[in-house]
Amino acid sequence: MKQIGMLLFVVLGGMALALEAAFLGPLGESIGRLSASLSIFLIGIIVFSLAMITLRVAGKRNYLSTLPKQPRWLLTGGLVGFIYTIVLTITTPLVGVGTTMVGILCGQITASLAIDHFGILGSKRRAIDVYRVLALLLILIALWLIY
């Protein structure tokens, strides 16, 4: 039951990404792509800050103080969000939310299969099998069909 809940949670996250693309496309057309992307990050910073303040007040400990002690390469993950947001802002008005999301999904699955298979960035190794290759092939077909 816990795994079903997690799968639903992940699907909800995917739905949120589609909404983000739907917001970013028109916003980028109105105020500029970089400005739209920055606004999304600023809102996120405000919401995260409020959440951390609330959790601290509620007695939960946050670990931001340990951030400088982390390996520097782990902190480069923020660049990924920057790239992702810019891609959404540029492509959504041109090809639509559906095509953008299927393209993003295709890239995510391709990269995640490689990360899992080779255990990149400390991930647990999970060998690519015929089912995973078939899933990627179906997503590639979906990208071709939706475009």
Protein backbone atom coordinates (compact mmCIF):
# COMPACT_ATOMS: atom_id res chain seq x y z
CA MET A 1 0.00 0.00 0.00
CA LYS A 2 2.88 2.35 0.79
CA GLN A 3 4.30 1.89 -2.71
CA ILE A 4 0.95 2.73 -4.31
CA GLY A 5 0.88 5.91 -2.26
CA MET A 6 4.38 6.76 -3.44
CA LEU A 7 3.45 6.12 -7.06
CA LEU A 8 0.44 8.42 -6.71
CA PHE A 9 2.68 11.03 -5.10
CA VAL A 10 5.10 10.80 -8.04
CA VAL A 11 2.23 11.12 -10.52
CA LEU A 12 1.08 14.22 -8.63
CA GLY A 13 4.61 15.63 -8.99
CA GLY A 14 4.46 14.99 -12.73
CA MET A 15 1.14 16.79 -12.91
CA ALA A 16 2.70 19.73 -11.08
CA LEU A 17 5.48 19.86 -13.68
CA ALA A 18 2.91 20.04 -16.48
CA LEU A 19 1.22 22.91 -14.65
CA GLU A 20 4.58 24.63 -14.29
CA ALA A 21 5.09 24.39 -18.05
CA ALA A 22 1.60 25.74 -18.65
CA PHE A 23 2.40 28.73 -16.41
CA LEU A 24 5.90 29.35 -17.73
CA GLY A 25 5.06 29.38 -21.43
CA PRO A 26 2.62 32.30 -21.40
CA LEU A 27 4.50 34.09 -18.62
CA GLY A 28 7.70 33.88 -20.66
CA GLU A 29 5.91 35.30 -23.68
CA SER A 30 4.61 38.21 -21.54
CA ILE A 31 7.58 39.19 -19.42
CA GLY A 32 10.50 37.44 -21.11
CA ARG A 33 11.83 33.93 -20.71
CA LEU A 34 14.53 34.65 -18.16
CA SER A 35 12.22 36.89 -16.12
CA ALA A 36 9.55 34.19 -16.09
CA SER A 37 12.05 31.55 -15.00
CA LEU A 38 13.41 33.81 -12.29
CA SER A 39 9.90 34.54 -11.01
CA ILE A 40 9.22 30.81 -10.63
CA PHE A 41 12.42 30.39 -8.62
CA LEU A 42 11.68 33.43 -6.46
CA ILE A 43 8.21 32.16 -5.58
CA GLY A 44 9.74 28.77 -4.79
CA ILE A 45 12.35 30.37 -2.53
CA ILE A 46 9.65 32.27 -0.65
CA VAL A 47 7.50 29.15 -0.18
CA PHE A 48 10.46 27.00 0.88
CA SER A 49 11.64 29.70 3.28
CA LEU A 50 8.22 29.92 4.89
CA ALA A 51 8.07 26.13 5.16
CA MET A 52 11.48 26.00 6.84
CA ILE A 53 10.57 28.80 9.25
CA THR A 54 7.31 27.01 10.08
CA LEU A 55 9.08 23.70 10.63
CA ARG A 56 11.69 25.35 12.83
CA VAL A 57 8.96 27.02 14.91
CA ALA A 58 7.20 23.66 15.17
CA GLY A 59 10.38 22.21 16.69
CA LYS A 60 11.61 20.34 13.62
CA ARG A 61 15.30 20.69 12.87
CA ASN A 62 16.48 21.72 9.43
CA TYR A 63 19.93 20.95 8.19
CA LEU A 64 20.84 24.02 6.16
CA SER A 65 23.78 24.61 8.48
CA THR A 66 25.40 21.44 7.11
CA LEU A 67 25.12 22.63 3.50
CA PRO A 68 28.66 24.10 3.31
CA LYS A 69 30.08 20.74 4.44
CA GLN A 70 28.59 18.86 1.48
CA PRO A 71 30.66 17.89 -1.56
CA ARG A 72 30.55 20.79 -4.03
CA TRP A 73 29.38 18.58 -6.89
CA LEU A 74 26.15 17.82 -5.01
CA LEU A 75 25.34 21.53 -4.99
CA THR A 76 25.40 21.73 -8.79
CA GLY A 77 21.91 20.21 -8.83
CA GLY A 78 20.54 23.74 -8.82
CA LEU A 79 21.84 24.15 -12.36
CA VAL A 80 19.54 21.34 -13.45
CA GLY A 81 16.50 23.27 -12.26
CA PHE A 82 17.72 26.32 -14.16
CA ILE A 83 18.12 24.34 -17.38
CA TYR A 84 14.78 22.60 -16.94
CA THR A 85 12.92 25.85 -16.32
CA ILE A 86 14.46 27.56 -19.33
CA VAL A 87 13.60 24.57 -21.55
CA LEU A 88 9.97 24.68 -20.35
CA THR A 89 9.73 28.42 -20.89
CA ILE A 90 11.10 28.26 -24.43
CA THR A 91 9.47 25.09 -25.76
CA THR A 92 5.97 25.20 -24.27
CA PRO A 93 4.70 28.12 -26.41
CA LEU A 94 6.22 26.54 -29.52
CA VAL A 95 5.08 22.91 -29.25
CA GLY A 96 2.52 22.91 -26.42
CA VAL A 97 2.47 21.48 -22.92
CA GLY A 98 1.80 17.88 -24.03
CA THR A 99 4.72 17.62 -26.43
CA THR A 100 7.00 19.45 -24.01
CA MET A 101 6.12 17.08 -21.17
CA VAL A 102 6.50 13.92 -23.28
CA GLY A 103 9.88 15.21 -24.49
CA ILE A 104 10.91 15.97 -20.91
CA LEU A 105 9.71 12.51 -19.86
CA CYS A 106 11.72 10.90 -22.65
CA GLY A 107 14.85 12.70 -21.49
CA GLN A 108 14.15 11.85 -17.86
CA ILE A 109 13.69 8.14 -18.58
CA THR A 110 16.77 7.97 -20.80
CA ALA A 111 18.97 9.65 -18.19
CA SER A 112 17.43 7.76 -15.27
CA LEU A 113 18.00 4.39 -16.95
CA ALA A 114 21.66 5.26 -17.43
CA ILE A 115 21.95 6.54 -13.84
CA ASP A 116 20.34 3.38 -12.48
CA HIS A 117 22.26 1.00 -14.72
CA PHE A 118 25.68 2.43 -13.96
CA GLY A 119 25.00 3.57 -10.39
CA ILE A 120 25.91 7.16 -11.30
CA LEU A 121 26.06 9.81 -8.53
CA GLY A 122 25.85 7.21 -5.79
CA SER A 123 22.57 5.69 -6.96
CA LYS A 124 21.89 2.04 -6.30
CA ARG A 125 22.65 0.01 -9.42
CA ARG A 126 19.60 -1.40 -11.19
CA ALA A 127 20.35 -3.18 -14.42
CA ILE A 128 18.50 -2.18 -17.56
CA ASP A 129 16.21 -5.02 -18.56
CA VAL A 130 13.90 -5.64 -21.50
CA TYR A 131 10.93 -4.03 -19.70
CA ARG A 132 12.79 -0.78 -19.11
CA VAL A 133 13.99 -0.67 -22.72
CA LEU A 134 10.43 -1.35 -23.86
CA ALA A 135 9.14 1.47 -21.65
CA LEU A 136 11.67 3.86 -23.19
CA LEU A 137 10.74 2.70 -26.68
CA LEU A 138 7.04 3.33 -25.94
CA ILE A 139 7.84 6.82 -24.67
CA LEU A 140 9.82 7.52 -27.85
CA ILE A 141 6.82 6.35 -29.88
CA ALA A 142 4.56 8.59 -27.78
CA LEU A 143 6.86 11.55 -28.48
CA TRP A 144 6.75 10.84 -32.19
CA LEU A 145 2.93 10.46 -32.14
CA ILE A 146 2.23 13.54 -30.04
CA TYR A 147 4.52 15.78 -32.06
